[in-house]
Amino acid sequence: MLYKYNDMTDHDIDVAPGQILEELNSFNCDFFDQQLDIAANLEKQHIKLSMKNQNLEVKIKFFEL
């Protein structure tokens, strides 16, 4: 059974998406033993985080105001 949760939460940030991607990669390497698969899609302006063994997938979408 697949559970889907989407709370559509918006956050206003003062950094570029590239910096968030770098911080996620640093966290993944330094503290999480590279368990996350991090994929950036520049065309669609999102970052997808997934964890194979936990059946977890998170999509971070960026909008320019």
Protein backbone atom coordinates (compact mmCIF):
# COMPACT_ATOMS: atom_id res chain seq x y z
CA MET A 1 0.00 0.00 0.00
CA LEU A 2 1.34 3.42 -0.95
CA TYR A 3 0.72 6.38 1.32
CA LYS A 4 1.02 9.86 -0.14
CA TYR A 5 1.21 12.99 1.99
CA ASN A 6 1.45 16.46 0.54
CA ASP A 7 1.09 19.38 2.91
CA MET A 8 2.12 22.03 0.33
CA THR A 9 4.06 24.04 2.90
CA ASP A 10 5.72 27.21 1.60
CA HIS A 11 8.88 28.70 3.11
CA ASP A 12 10.56 31.97 2.19
CA ILE A 13 14.35 31.52 2.05
CA ASP A 14 17.23 33.93 1.43
CA VAL A 15 19.68 31.51 -0.21
CA ALA A 16 20.05 30.07 -3.69
CA PRO A 17 18.81 26.53 -4.40
CA GLY A 18 22.40 25.54 -5.24
CA GLN A 19 23.47 26.32 -1.68
CA ILE A 20 20.66 24.13 -0.31
CA LEU A 21 21.80 21.32 -2.60
CA GLU A 22 25.39 21.66 -1.33
CA GLU A 23 24.23 21.60 2.30
CA LEU A 24 22.10 18.50 1.68
CA ASN A 25 25.05 16.74 0.05
CA SER A 26 27.32 17.72 2.97
CA PHE A 27 24.79 16.42 5.49
CA ASN A 28 24.34 13.20 3.53
CA CYS A 29 28.11 12.54 3.39
CA ASP A 30 29.11 13.73 6.88
CA PHE A 31 26.22 12.61 9.08
CA PHE A 32 23.95 10.21 7.18
CA ASP A 33 26.45 7.74 5.66
CA GLN A 34 25.27 8.55 2.11
CA GLN A 35 21.92 6.82 2.61
CA LEU A 36 20.04 9.50 0.66
CA ASP A 37 19.88 9.69 -3.11
CA ILE A 38 19.86 13.40 -3.99
CA ALA A 39 18.92 14.37 -7.53
CA ALA A 40 18.55 17.93 -8.82
CA ASN A 41 16.38 18.66 -11.83
CA LEU A 42 17.30 22.15 -13.01
CA GLU A 43 14.69 22.22 -15.79
CA LYS A 44 11.79 21.61 -13.43
CA GLN A 45 13.42 23.53 -10.54
CA HIS A 46 13.27 20.86 -7.88
CA ILE A 47 15.46 18.58 -5.78
CA LYS A 48 14.34 15.03 -5.10
CA LEU A 49 15.52 13.17 -1.98
CA SER A 50 14.91 9.45 -1.76
CA MET A 51 15.88 6.69 0.59
CA LYS A 52 15.69 3.22 -0.92
CA ASN A 53 15.43 1.03 2.15
CA GLN A 54 12.88 3.25 3.95
CA ASN A 55 10.50 3.85 0.99
CA LEU A 56 10.88 7.60 1.45
CA GLU A 57 10.74 10.25 -1.27
CA VAL A 58 10.74 14.04 -0.75
CA LYS A 59 10.48 16.61 -3.51
CA ILE A 60 11.63 20.19 -2.82
CA LYS A 61 10.26 22.66 -5.38
CA PHE A 62 11.64 26.19 -5.85
CA PHE A 63 9.64 29.20 -7.01
CA GLU A 64 11.03 32.65 -7.72
CA LEU A 65 8.92 35.50 -6.40
